Amino acid sequence: YNGTRAYAQSKLATILHAKEIAKQLKAKNANVTINAVHPGIVKTGIFRAHKGFITGKNLHILGASTSCYVALSPQVEGMSGKYFVDCNESNCSVLANDESEARRLWRQTRALIR
C-alpha cells in the first residue's frame, strides 16, 4: 500500500466525479453546480506521519477559504465542472480532463454502490 499514491488517486477521482456529474446535470438543464476544490494544505494528522514534509509557515492556515469561495462567491455563480486552487480556477492534469476516464469511473462507482 502506498499512501501517497492512494491520496493522489482519491483527489483524481474527486475531480473526475465533479466533472462527470456537472456534465450530466448540464445535460438535464439542472440548476445545480458542482466543482472540485483543493482546500490548501492544512496541518492535520496525515502530516504527523511525514515529519519534515511540510511545516509551519508553509501550511495554508485558511483551509476552508477555497471551499467557501466556490460555494459563496458571485464570481463563481453558474460555473460547474471546474477545479479551484487558492480561490482561483486551475488547470488539471491531462488525466483529470479525460472525459472517457470520468465516464468510466462514474459507471464503476454506480456498479459498486448498487
PDB file of N, CA and C in Angstrom:
ATOM      1  N   TYR A   1       0.847  -1.186   0.000  1.00  0.00           N
ATOM      2  CA  TYR A   1       0.000   0.000   0.000  1.00  0.00           C
ATOM      3  C   TYR A   1       0.883   1.237   0.000  1.00  0.00           C
ATOM      4  N   ASN A   2       0.588   2.155  -0.882  1.00  0.00           N
ATOM      5  CA  ASN A   2       1.325   3.412  -0.952  1.00  0.00           C
ATOM      6  C   ASN A   2       0.347   4.541  -0.636  1.00  0.00           C
ATOM      7  N   GLY A   3       0.481   5.113   0.547  1.00  0.00           N
ATOM      8  CA  GLY A   3      -0.448   6.143   0.996  1.00  0.00           C
ATOM      9  C   GLY A   3      -0.466   7.378   0.117  1.00  0.00           C
ATOM     10  N   THR A   4       0.701   7.782  -0.365  1.00  0.00           N
ATOM     11  CA  THR A   4       0.774   8.960  -1.230  1.00  0.00           C
ATOM     12  C   THR A   4       0.044   8.706  -2.539  1.00  0.00           C
ATOM     13  N   ARG A   5       0.239   7.523  -3.092  1.00  0.00           N
ATOM     14  CA  ARG A   5      -0.446   7.178  -4.340  1.00  0.00           C
ATOM     15  C   ARG A   5      -1.963   7.101  -4.119  1.00  0.00           C
ATOM     16  N   ALA A   6      -2.375   6.489  -3.020  1.00  0.00           N
ATOM     17  CA  ALA A   6      -3.807   6.390  -2.719  1.00  0.00           C
ATOM     18  C   ALA A   6      -4.424   7.778  -2.565  1.00  0.00           C
ATOM     19  N   TYR A   7      -3.713   8.679  -1.905  1.00  0.00           N
ATOM     20  CA  TYR A   7      -4.195  10.049  -1.735  1.00  0.00           C
ATOM     21  C   TYR A   7      -4.353  10.723  -3.098  1.00  0.00           C
ATOM     22  N   ALA A   8      -3.336  10.595  -3.944  1.00  0.00           N
ATOM     23  CA  ALA A   8      -3.388  11.207  -5.280  1.00  0.00           C
ATOM     24  C   ALA A   8      -4.541  10.638  -6.099  1.00  0.00           C
ATOM     25  N   GLN A   9      -4.750   9.328  -6.011  1.00  0.00           N
ATOM     26  CA  GLN A   9      -5.850   8.709  -6.753  1.00  0.00           C
ATOM     27  C   GLN A   9      -7.199   9.196  -6.238  1.00  0.00           C
ATOM     28  N   SER A  10      -7.307   9.411  -4.935  1.00  0.00           N
ATOM     29  CA  SER A  10      -8.579   9.900  -4.387  1.00  0.00           C
ATOM     30  C   SER A  10      -8.865  11.321  -4.862  1.00  0.00           C
ATOM     31  N   LYS A  11      -7.831  12.141  -4.969  1.00  0.00           N
ATOM     32  CA  LYS A  11      -8.015  13.509  -5.465  1.00  0.00           C
ATOM     33  C   LYS A  11      -8.395  13.490  -6.945  1.00  0.00           C
ATOM     34  N   LEU A  12      -7.762  12.618  -7.718  1.00  0.00           N
ATOM     35  CA  LEU A  12      -8.114  12.469  -9.133  1.00  0.00           C
ATOM     36  C   LEU A  12      -9.569  12.037  -9.265  1.00  0.00           C
ATOM     37  N   ALA A  13      -9.984  11.075  -8.462  1.00  0.00           N
ATOM     38  CA  ALA A  13     -11.370  10.597  -8.515  1.00  0.00           C
ATOM     39  C   ALA A  13     -12.351  11.713  -8.170  1.00  0.00           C
ATOM     40  N   THR A  14     -12.006  12.546  -7.214  1.00  0.00           N
ATOM     41  CA  THR A  14     -12.869  13.672  -6.843  1.00  0.00           C
ATOM     42  C   THR A  14     -13.072  14.612  -8.026  1.00  0.00           C
ATOM     43  N   ILE A  15     -11.985  14.931  -8.717  1.00  0.00           N
ATOM     44  CA  ILE A  15     -12.073  15.836  -9.871  1.00  0.00           C
ATOM     45  C   ILE A  15     -12.864  15.190 -11.000  1.00  0.00           C
ATOM     46  N   LEU A  16     -12.575  13.920 -11.296  1.00  0.00           N
ATOM     47  CA  LEU A  16     -13.294  13.226 -12.374  1.00  0.00           C
ATOM     48  C   LEU A  16     -14.786  13.137 -12.073  1.00  0.00           C
ATOM     49  N   HIS A  17     -15.134  12.821 -10.829  1.00  0.00           N
ATOM     50  CA  HIS A  17     -16.552  12.753 -10.462  1.00  0.00           C
ATOM     51  C   HIS A  17     -17.220  14.119 -10.606  1.00  0.00           C
ATOM     52  N   ALA A  18     -16.569  15.160 -10.146  1.00  0.00           N
ATOM     53  CA  ALA A  18     -17.150  16.505 -10.255  1.00  0.00           C
ATOM     54  C   ALA A  18     -17.407  16.867 -11.711  1.00  0.00           C
ATOM     55  N   LYS A  19     -16.455  16.585 -12.567  1.00  0.00           N
ATOM     56  CA  LYS A  19     -16.611  16.910 -13.987  1.00  0.00           C
ATOM     57  C   LYS A  19     -17.733  16.087 -14.625  1.00  0.00           C
ATOM     58  N   GLU A  20     -17.811  14.810 -14.298  1.00  0.00           N
ATOM     59  CA  GLU A  20     -18.846  13.953 -14.892  1.00  0.00           C
ATOM     60  C   GLU A  20     -20.235  14.331 -14.394  1.00  0.00           C
ATOM     61  N   ILE A  21     -20.370  14.563 -13.107  1.00  0.00           N
ATOM     62  CA  ILE A  21     -21.682  14.941 -12.566  1.00  0.00           C
ATOM     63  C   ILE A  21     -22.109  16.297 -13.123  1.00  0.00           C
ATOM     64  N   ALA A  22     -21.183  17.234 -13.231  1.00  0.00           N
ATOM     65  CA  ALA A  22     -21.506  18.546 -13.812  1.00  0.00           C
ATOM     66  C   ALA A  22     -22.006  18.386 -15.244  1.00  0.00           C
ATOM     67  N   LYS A  23     -21.366  17.525 -15.996  1.00  0.00           N
ATOM     68  CA  LYS A  23     -21.768  17.278 -17.389  1.00  0.00           C
ATOM     69  C   LYS A  23     -23.180  16.691 -17.446  1.00  0.00           C
ATOM     70  N   GLN A  24     -23.456  15.729 -16.584  1.00  0.00           N
ATOM     71  CA  GLN A  24     -24.783  15.110 -16.566  1.00  0.00           C
ATOM     72  C   GLN A  24     -25.860  16.103 -16.131  1.00  0.00           C
ATOM     73  N   LEU A  25     -25.568  16.920 -15.141  1.00  0.00           N
ATOM     74  CA  LEU A  25     -26.539  17.912 -14.680  1.00  0.00           C
ATOM     75  C   LEU A  25     -26.823  18.956 -15.755  1.00  0.00           C
ATOM     76  N   LYS A  26     -25.789  19.369 -16.466  1.00  0.00           N
ATOM     77  CA  LYS A  26     -25.965  20.343 -17.545  1.00  0.00           C
ATOM     78  C   LYS A  26     -26.863  19.771 -18.635  1.00  0.00           C
ATOM     79  N   ALA A  27     -26.679  18.491 -18.959  1.00  0.00           N
ATOM     80  CA  ALA A  27     -27.499  17.843 -19.987  1.00  0.00           C
ATOM     81  C   ALA A  27     -28.971  17.797 -19.583  1.00  0.00           C
ATOM     82  N   LYS A  28     -29.232  17.804 -18.279  1.00  0.00           N
ATOM     83  CA  LYS A  28     -30.608  17.777 -17.773  1.00  0.00           C
ATOM     84  C   LYS A  28     -31.132  19.182 -17.465  1.00  0.00           C
ATOM     85  N   ASN A  29     -30.355  20.201 -17.827  1.00  0.00           N
ATOM     86  CA  ASN A  29     -30.712  21.595 -17.541  1.00  0.00           C
ATOM     87  C   ASN A  29     -30.996  21.834 -16.062  1.00  0.00           C
ATOM     88  N   ALA A  30     -30.295  21.106 -15.214  1.00  0.00           N
ATOM     89  CA  ALA A  30     -30.473  21.265 -13.769  1.00  0.00           C
ATOM     90  C   ALA A  30     -29.808  22.556 -13.305  1.00  0.00           C
ATOM     91  N   ASN A  31     -30.441  23.232 -12.403  1.00  0.00           N
ATOM     92  CA  ASN A  31     -29.904  24.475 -11.857  1.00  0.00           C
ATOM     93  C   ASN A  31     -29.026  24.152 -10.644  1.00  0.00           C
ATOM     94  N   VAL A  32     -27.998  23.347 -10.898  1.00  0.00           N
ATOM     95  CA  VAL A  32     -27.088  22.888  -9.855  1.00  0.00           C
ATOM     96  C   VAL A  32     -25.670  23.007 -10.388  1.00  0.00           C
ATOM     97  N   THR A  33     -24.768  23.445  -9.556  1.00  0.00           N
ATOM     98  CA  THR A  33     -23.362  23.478  -9.958  1.00  0.00           C
ATOM     99  C   THR A  33     -22.561  22.553  -9.056  1.00  0.00           C
ATOM    100  N   ILE A  34     -21.511  22.005  -9.611  1.00  0.00           N
ATOM    101  CA  ILE A  34     -20.613  21.141  -8.846  1.00  0.00           C
ATOM    102  C   ILE A  34     -19.192  21.412  -9.315  1.00  0.00           C
ATOM    103  N   ASN A  35     -18.315  21.597  -8.363  1.00  0.00           N
ATOM    104  CA  ASN A  35     -16.913  21.870  -8.658  1.00  0.00           C
ATOM    105  C   ASN A  35     -16.038  21.096  -7.686  1.00  0.00           C
ATOM    106  N   ALA A  36     -14.791  20.942  -8.048  1.00  0.00           N
ATOM    107  CA  ALA A  36     -13.806  20.322  -7.163  1.00  0.00           C
ATOM    108  C   ALA A  36     -12.879  21.417  -6.656  1.00  0.00           C
ATOM    109  N   VAL A  37     -12.464  21.292  -5.406  1.00  0.00           N
ATOM    110  CA  VAL A  37     -11.559  22.290  -4.839  1.00  0.00           C
ATOM    111  C   VAL A  37     -10.380  21.616  -4.148  1.00  0.00           C
ATOM    112  N   HIS A  38      -9.253  22.289  -4.198  1.00  0.00           N
ATOM    113  CA  HIS A  38      -8.104  21.924  -3.380  1.00  0.00           C
ATOM    114  C   HIS A  38      -8.124  22.926  -2.234  1.00  0.00           C
ATOM    115  N   PRO A  39      -8.390  22.472  -1.025  1.00  0.00           N
ATOM    116  CA  PRO A  39      -8.570  23.413   0.075  1.00  0.00           C
ATOM    117  C   PRO A  39      -7.282  24.067   0.557  1.00  0.00           C
ATOM    118  N   GLY A  40      -6.168  23.613   0.080  1.00  0.00           N
ATOM    119  CA  GLY A  40      -4.889  24.075   0.609  1.00  0.00           C
ATOM    120  C   GLY A  40      -4.371  23.032   1.577  1.00  0.00           C
ATOM    121  N   ILE A  41      -3.160  23.208   1.997  1.00  0.00           N
ATOM    122  CA  ILE A  41      -2.566  22.244   2.919  1.00  0.00           C
ATOM    123  C   ILE A  41      -2.871  22.702   4.333  1.00  0.00           C
ATOM    124  N   VAL A  42      -3.483  21.820   5.083  1.00  0.00           N
ATOM    125  CA  VAL A  42      -3.890  22.124   6.441  1.00  0.00           C
ATOM    126  C   VAL A  42      -3.179  21.145   7.369  1.00  0.00           C
ATOM    127  N   LYS A  43      -2.704  21.641   8.482  1.00  0.00           N
ATOM    128  CA  LYS A  43      -1.990  20.774   9.416  1.00  0.00           C
ATOM    129  C   LYS A  43      -2.983  19.825  10.083  1.00  0.00           C
ATOM    130  N   THR A  44      -2.970  18.593   9.633  1.00  0.00           N
ATOM    131  CA  THR A  44      -3.844  17.556  10.180  1.00  0.00           C
ATOM    132  C   THR A  44      -2.990  16.353  10.559  1.00  0.00           C
ATOM    133  N   GLY A  45      -3.627  15.341  11.069  1.00  0.00           N
ATOM    134  CA  GLY A  45      -2.932  14.125  11.473  1.00  0.00           C
ATOM    135  C   GLY A  45      -2.170  13.447  10.354  1.00  0.00           C
ATOM    136  N   ILE A  46      -2.594  13.643   9.123  1.00  0.00           N
ATOM    137  CA  ILE A  46      -1.930  12.986   7.997  1.00  0.00           C
ATOM    138  C   ILE A  46      -0.464  13.411   7.897  1.00  0.00           C
ATOM    139  N   PHE A  47      -0.149  14.630   8.324  1.00  0.00           N
ATOM    140  CA  PHE A  47       1.222  15.118   8.221  1.00  0.00           C
ATOM    141  C   PHE A  47       2.111  14.643   9.364  1.00  0.00           C
ATOM    142  N   ARG A  48       1.512  14.142  10.433  1.00  0.00           N
ATOM    143  CA  ARG A  48       2.329  13.613  11.533  1.00  0.00           C
ATOM    144  C   ARG A  48       3.159  12.424  11.072  1.00  0.00           C
ATOM    145  N   ALA A  49       2.649  11.681  10.118  1.00  0.00           N
ATOM    146  CA  ALA A  49       3.368  10.512   9.599  1.00  0.00           C
ATOM    147  C   ALA A  49       4.481  10.910   8.640  1.00  0.00           C
ATOM    148  N   HIS A  50       4.508  12.156   8.218  1.00  0.00           N
ATOM    149  CA  HIS A  50       5.506  12.642   7.257  1.00  0.00           C
ATOM    150  C   HIS A  50       6.301  13.788   7.876  1.00  0.00           C
ATOM    151  N   LYS A  51       6.983  13.509   8.966  1.00  0.00           N
ATOM    152  CA  LYS A  51       7.748  14.552   9.660  1.00  0.00           C
ATOM    153  C   LYS A  51       8.715  15.237   8.700  1.00  0.00           C
ATOM    154  N   GLY A  52       8.713  16.562   8.750  1.00  0.00           N
ATOM    155  CA  GLY A  52       9.606  17.330   7.894  1.00  0.00           C
ATOM    156  C   GLY A  52       9.068  17.569   6.502  1.00  0.00           C
ATOM    157  N   PHE A  53       7.948  16.956   6.164  1.00  0.00           N
ATOM    158  CA  PHE A  53       7.381  17.102   4.816  1.00  0.00           C
ATOM    159  C   PHE A  53       6.956  18.541   4.570  1.00  0.00           C
ATOM    160  N   ILE A  54       6.124  19.046   5.446  1.00  0.00           N
ATOM    161  CA  ILE A  54       5.644  20.427   5.348  1.00  0.00           C
ATOM    162  C   ILE A  54       5.513  20.940   6.773  1.00  0.00           C
ATOM    163  N   THR A  55       6.029  22.120   7.020  1.00  0.00           N
ATOM    164  CA  THR A  55       5.972  22.634   8.386  1.00  0.00           C
ATOM    165  C   THR A  55       5.593  24.106   8.422  1.00  0.00           C
ATOM    166  N   GLY A  56       5.212  24.540   9.589  1.00  0.00           N
ATOM    167  CA  GLY A  56       4.996  25.937   9.930  1.00  0.00           C
ATOM    168  C   GLY A  56       4.353  26.823   8.902  1.00  0.00           C
ATOM    169  N   LYS A  57       5.107  27.846   8.492  1.00  0.00           N
ATOM    170  CA  LYS A  57       4.540  28.897   7.652  1.00  0.00           C
ATOM    171  C   LYS A  57       4.114  28.411   6.275  1.00  0.00           C
ATOM    172  N   ASN A  58       4.549  27.219   5.859  1.00  0.00           N
ATOM    173  CA  ASN A  58       4.135  26.691   4.560  1.00  0.00           C
ATOM    174  C   ASN A  58       2.699  26.184   4.571  1.00  0.00           C
ATOM    175  N   LEU A  59       2.132  26.027   5.751  1.00  0.00           N
ATOM    176  CA  LEU A  59       0.775  25.498   5.850  1.00  0.00           C
ATOM    177  C   LEU A  59      -0.243  26.578   5.531  1.00  0.00           C
ATOM    178  N   HIS A  60      -1.257  26.194   4.813  1.00  0.00           N
ATOM    179  CA  HIS A  60      -2.351  27.096   4.456  1.00  0.00           C
ATOM    180  C   HIS A  60      -3.299  27.137   5.649  1.00  0.00           C
ATOM    181  N   ILE A  61      -3.224  28.202   6.439  1.00  0.00           N
ATOM    182  CA  ILE A  61      -3.994  28.247   7.685  1.00  0.00           C
ATOM    183  C   ILE A  61      -5.483  28.464   7.455  1.00  0.00           C
ATOM    184  N   LEU A  62      -5.846  28.896   6.282  1.00  0.00           N
ATOM    185  CA  LEU A  62      -7.264  29.093   5.985  1.00  0.00           C
ATOM    186  C   LEU A  62      -7.735  27.980   5.062  1.00  0.00           C
ATOM    187  N   GLY A  63      -7.711  26.764   5.575  1.00  0.00           N
ATOM    188  CA  GLY A  63      -8.003  25.593   4.769  1.00  0.00           C
ATOM    189  C   GLY A  63      -9.356  25.603   4.095  1.00  0.00           C
ATOM    190  N   ALA A  64     -10.319  26.305   4.641  1.00  0.00           N
ATOM    191  CA  ALA A  64     -11.659  26.319   4.054  1.00  0.00           C
ATOM    192  C   ALA A  64     -11.875  27.475   3.087  1.00  0.00           C
ATOM    193  N   SER A  65     -10.889  28.321   2.887  1.00  0.00           N
ATOM    194  CA  SER A  65     -11.108  29.534   2.091  1.00  0.00           C
ATOM    195  C   SER A  65     -11.541  29.230   0.664  1.00  0.00           C
ATOM    196  N   THR A  66     -10.909  28.282  -0.002  1.00  0.00           N
ATOM    197  CA  THR A  66     -11.293  27.979  -1.388  1.00  0.00           C
ATOM    198  C   THR A  66     -12.678  27.347  -1.441  1.00  0.00           C
ATOM    199  N   SER A  67     -12.960  26.452  -0.515  1.00  0.00           N
ATOM    200  CA  SER A  67     -14.289  25.833  -0.474  1.00  0.00           C
ATOM    201  C   SER A  67     -15.371  26.890  -0.262  1.00  0.00           C
ATOM    202  N   CYS A  68     -15.136  27.800   0.667  1.00  0.00           N
ATOM    203  CA  CYS A  68     -16.108  28.875   0.922  1.00  0.00           C
ATOM    204  C   CYS A  68     -16.236  29.795  -0.282  1.00  0.00           C
ATOM    205  N   TYR A  69     -15.125  30.123  -0.895  1.00  0.00           N
ATOM    206  CA  TYR A  69     -15.147  30.994  -2.077  1.00  0.00           C
ATOM    207  C   TYR A  69     -16.001  30.379  -3.184  1.00  0.00           C
ATOM    208  N   VAL A  70     -15.766  29.107  -3.478  1.00  0.00           N
ATOM    209  CA  VAL A  70     -16.500  28.448  -4.564  1.00  0.00           C
ATOM    210  C   VAL A  70     -17.984  28.329  -4.220  1.00  0.00           C
ATOM    211  N   ALA A  71     -18.296  28.100  -2.968  1.00  0.00           N
ATOM    212  CA  ALA A  71     -19.697  27.954  -2.558  1.00  0.00           C
ATOM    213  C   ALA A  71     -20.447  29.282  -2.509  1.00  0.00           C
ATOM    214  N   LEU A  72     -19.754  30.377  -2.207  1.00  0.00           N
ATOM    215  CA  LEU A  72     -20.445  31.629  -1.904  1.00  0.00           C
ATOM    216  C   LEU A  72     -20.188  32.799  -2.843  1.00  0.00           C
ATOM    217  N   SER A  73     -19.121  32.766  -3.596  1.00  0.00           N
ATOM    218  CA  SER A  73     -18.754  33.931  -4.402  1.00  0.00           C
ATOM    219  C   SER A  73     -19.643  34.100  -5.629  1.00  0.00           C
ATOM    220  N   PRO A  74     -20.164  35.307  -5.843  1.00  0.00           N
ATOM    221  CA  PRO A  74     -20.942  35.574  -7.055  1.00  0.00           C
ATOM    222  C   PRO A  74     -20.094  35.413  -8.322  1.00  0.00           C
ATOM    223  N   GLN A  75     -18.777  35.537  -8.191  1.00  0.00           N
ATOM    224  CA  GLN A  75     -17.891  35.391  -9.351  1.00  0.00           C
ATOM    225  C   GLN A  75     -17.843  33.958  -9.874  1.00  0.00           C
ATOM    226  N   VAL A  76     -18.266  33.011  -9.061  1.00  0.00           N
ATOM    227  CA  VAL A  76     -18.240  31.599  -9.445  1.00  0.00           C
ATOM    228  C   VAL A  76     -19.640  31.113  -9.830  1.00  0.00           C
ATOM    229  N   GLU A  77     -20.634  31.939  -9.593  1.00  0.00           N
ATOM    230  CA  GLU A  77     -22.017  31.556  -9.872  1.00  0.00           C
ATOM    231  C   GLU A  77     -22.172  31.075 -11.314  1.00  0.00           C
ATOM    232  N   GLY A  78     -22.775  29.915 -11.462  1.00  0.00           N
ATOM    233  CA  GLY A  78     -23.010  29.344 -12.785  1.00  0.00           C
ATOM    234  C   GLY A  78     -21.855  28.527 -13.335  1.00  0.00           C
ATOM    235  N   MET A  79     -20.703  28.581 -12.696  1.00  0.00           N
ATOM    236  CA  MET A  79     -19.559  27.779 -13.143  1.00  0.00           C
ATOM    237  C   MET A  79     -19.718  26.373 -12.585  1.00  0.00           C
ATOM    238  N   SER A  80     -19.490  25.372 -13.408  1.00  0.00           N
ATOM    239  CA  SER A  80     -19.644  23.995 -12.966  1.00  0.00           C
ATOM    240  C   SER A  80     -18.646  23.107 -13.695  1.00  0.00           C
ATOM    241  N   GLY A  81     -18.205  22.054 -13.003  1.00  0.00           N
ATOM    242  CA  GLY A  81     -17.248  21.132 -13.598  1.00  0.00           C
ATOM    243  C   GLY A  81     -15.833  21.680 -13.628  1.00  0.00           C
ATOM    244  N   LYS A  82     -15.547  22.616 -12.753  1.00  0.00           N
ATOM    245  CA  LYS A  82     -14.231  23.258 -12.716  1.00  0.00           C
ATOM    246  C   LYS A  82     -13.447  22.786 -11.493  1.00  0.00           C
ATOM    247  N   TYR A  83     -12.164  23.126 -11.486  1.00  0.00           N
ATOM    248  CA  TYR A  83     -11.271  22.799 -10.379  1.00  0.00           C
ATOM    249  C   TYR A  83     -10.662  24.099  -9.871  1.00  0.00           C
ATOM    250  N   PHE A  84     -10.701  24.307  -8.556  1.00  0.00           N
ATOM    251  CA  PHE A  84     -10.214  25.543  -7.958  1.00  0.00           C
ATOM    252  C   PHE A  84      -9.096  25.274  -6.955  1.00  0.00           C
ATOM    253  N   VAL A  85      -8.082  26.127  -7.009  1.00  0.00           N
ATOM    254  CA  VAL A  85      -6.958  26.105  -6.073  1.00  0.00           C
ATOM    255  C   VAL A  85      -6.712  27.546  -5.636  1.00  0.00           C
ATOM    256  N   ASP A  86      -6.541  27.767  -4.357  1.00  0.00           N
ATOM    257  CA  ASP A  86      -6.284  29.117  -3.827  1.00  0.00           C
ATOM    258  C   ASP A  86      -7.276  30.153  -4.360  1.00  0.00           C
ATOM    259  N   CYS A  87      -8.542  29.782  -4.356  1.00  0.00           N
ATOM    260  CA  CYS A  87      -9.638  30.672  -4.766  1.00  0.00           C
ATOM    261  C   CYS A  87      -9.561  31.096  -6.231  1.00  0.00           C
ATOM    262  N   ASN A  88      -8.924  30.291  -7.055  1.00  0.00           N
ATOM    263  CA  ASN A  88      -8.842  30.556  -8.493  1.00  0.00           C
ATOM    264  C   ASN A  88      -9.108  29.277  -9.269  1.00  0.00           C
ATOM    265  N   GLU A  89      -9.741  29.425 -10.430  1.00  0.00           N
ATOM    266  CA  GLU A  89      -9.890  28.268 -11.306  1.00  0.00           C
ATOM    267  C   GLU A  89      -8.495  27.824 -11.723  1.00  0.00           C
ATOM    268  N   SER A  90      -8.288  26.526 -11.755  1.00  0.00           N
ATOM    269  CA  SER A  90      -6.961  25.995 -12.044  1.00  0.00           C
ATOM    270  C   SER A  90      -7.041  24.920 -13.114  1.00  0.00           C
ATOM    271  N   ASN A  91      -5.946  24.734 -13.811  1.00  0.00           N
ATOM    272  CA  ASN A  91      -5.854  23.662 -14.796  1.00  0.00           C
ATOM    273  C   ASN A  91      -5.631  22.337 -14.088  1.00  0.00           C
ATOM    274  N   CYS A  92      -6.144  21.286 -14.690  1.00  0.00           N
ATOM    275  CA  CYS A  92      -5.972  19.935 -14.167  1.00  0.00           C
ATOM    276  C   CYS A  92      -4.994  19.172 -15.046  1.00  0.00           C
ATOM    277  N   SER A  93      -4.605  18.013 -14.573  1.00  0.00           N
ATOM    278  CA  SER A  93      -3.753  17.135 -15.368  1.00  0.00           C
ATOM    279  C   SER A  93      -4.528  16.638 -16.585  1.00  0.00           C
ATOM    280  N   VAL A  94      -3.818  16.108 -17.543  1.00  0.00           N
ATOM    281  CA  VAL A  94      -4.452  15.544 -18.738  1.00  0.00           C
ATOM    282  C   VAL A  94      -5.433  14.451 -18.329  1.00  0.00           C
ATOM    283  N   LEU A  95      -5.034  13.592 -17.405  1.00  0.00           N
ATOM    284  CA  LEU A  95      -5.907  12.504 -16.971  1.00  0.00           C
ATOM    285  C   LEU A  95      -7.167  13.041 -16.291  1.00  0.00           C
ATOM    286  N   ALA A  96      -7.041  14.093 -15.505  1.00  0.00           N
ATOM    287  CA  ALA A  96      -8.205  14.672 -14.825  1.00  0.00           C
ATOM    288  C   ALA A  96      -9.163  15.346 -15.798  1.00  0.00           C
ATOM    289  N   ASN A  97      -8.710  15.627 -17.008  1.00  0.00           N
ATOM    290  CA  ASN A  97      -9.567  16.216 -18.045  1.00  0.00           C
ATOM    291  C   ASN A  97     -10.074  15.187 -19.046  1.00  0.00           C
ATOM    292  N   ASP A  98      -9.789  13.926 -18.813  1.00  0.00           N
ATOM    293  CA  ASP A  98     -10.162  12.859 -19.744  1.00  0.00           C
ATOM    294  C   ASP A  98     -11.627  12.471 -19.526  1.00  0.00           C
ATOM    295  N   GLU A  99     -12.488  12.879 -20.453  1.00  0.00           N
ATOM    296  CA  GLU A  99     -13.929  12.619 -20.307  1.00  0.00           C
ATOM    297  C   GLU A  99     -14.254  11.132 -20.296  1.00  0.00           C
ATOM    298  N   SER A 100     -13.516  10.333 -21.053  1.00  0.00           N
ATOM    299  CA  SER A 100     -13.790   8.890 -21.069  1.00  0.00           C
ATOM    300  C   SER A 100     -13.421   8.256 -19.725  1.00  0.00           C
ATOM    301  N   GLU A 101     -12.360   8.741 -19.089  1.00  0.00           N
ATOM    302  CA  GLU A 101     -11.996   8.240 -17.757  1.00  0.00           C
ATOM    303  C   GLU A 101     -13.042   8.651 -16.728  1.00  0.00           C
ATOM    304  N   ALA A 102     -13.547   9.862 -16.841  1.00  0.00           N
ATOM    305  CA  ALA A 102     -14.582  10.331 -15.915  1.00  0.00           C
ATOM    306  C   ALA A 102     -15.832   9.467 -16.048  1.00  0.00           C
ATOM    307  N   ARG A 103     -16.221   9.178 -17.278  1.00  0.00           N
ATOM    308  CA  ARG A 103     -17.410   8.350 -17.508  1.00  0.00           C
ATOM    309  C   ARG A 103     -17.194   6.926 -17.005  1.00  0.00           C
ATOM    310  N   ARG A 104     -15.982   6.387 -17.238  1.00  0.00           N
ATOM    311  CA  ARG A 104     -15.661   5.025 -16.787  1.00  0.00           C
ATOM    312  C   ARG A 104     -15.706   4.948 -15.261  1.00  0.00           C
ATOM    313  N   LEU A 105     -15.126   5.937 -14.597  1.00  0.00           N
ATOM    314  CA  LEU A 105     -15.152   5.960 -13.137  1.00  0.00           C
ATOM    315  C   LEU A 105     -16.586   6.068 -12.630  1.00  0.00           C
ATOM    316  N   TRP A 106     -17.394   6.890 -13.284  1.00  0.00           N
ATOM    317  CA  TRP A 106     -18.798   7.044 -12.892  1.00  0.00           C
ATOM    318  C   TRP A 106     -19.534   5.708 -13.001  1.00  0.00           C
ATOM    319  N   ARG A 107     -19.338   5.003 -14.092  1.00  0.00           N
ATOM    320  CA  ARG A 107     -20.007   3.704 -14.280  1.00  0.00           C
ATOM    321  C   ARG A 107     -19.547   2.688 -13.241  1.00  0.00           C
ATOM    322  N   GLN A 108     -18.249   2.641 -12.981  1.00  0.00           N
ATOM    323  CA  GLN A 108     -17.733   1.700 -11.981  1.00  0.00           C
ATOM    324  C   GLN A 108     -18.269   2.027 -10.591  1.00  0.00           C
ATOM    325  N   THR A 109     -18.334   3.292 -10.268  1.00  0.00           N
ATOM    326  CA  THR A 109     -18.845   3.708  -8.967  1.00  0.00           C
ATOM    327  C   THR A 109     -20.307   3.316  -8.818  1.00  0.00           C
ATOM    328  N   ARG A 110     -21.093   3.577  -9.845  1.00  0.00           N
ATOM    329  CA  ARG A 110     -22.521   3.213  -9.808  1.00  0.00           C
ATOM    330  C   ARG A 110     -22.699   1.708  -9.631  1.00  0.00           C
ATOM    331  N   ALA A 111     -21.877   0.930 -10.323  1.00  0.00           N
ATOM    332  CA  ALA A 111     -21.970  -0.529 -10.210  1.00  0.00           C
ATOM    333  C   ALA A 111     -21.636  -0.990  -8.789  1.00  0.00           C
ATOM    334  N   LEU A 112     -20.679  -0.354  -8.164  1.00  0.00           N
ATOM    335  CA  LEU A 112     -20.269  -0.745  -6.813  1.00  0.00           C
ATOM    336  C   LEU A 112     -21.297  -0.372  -5.750  1.00  0.00           C
ATOM    337  N   ILE A 113     -22.021   0.702  -5.943  1.00  0.00           N
ATOM    338  CA  ILE A 113     -22.954   1.136  -4.899  1.00  0.00           C
ATOM    339  C   ILE A 113     -24.369   0.602  -5.090  1.00  0.00           C
ATOM    340  N   ARG A 114     -24.599  -0.112  -6.146  1.00  0.00           N
ATOM    341  CA  ARG A 114     -25.943  -0.676  -6.356  1.00  0.00           C
ATOM    342  C   ARG A 114     -26.160  -1.906  -5.534  1.00  0.00           C
TER     343      ARG A 114
END
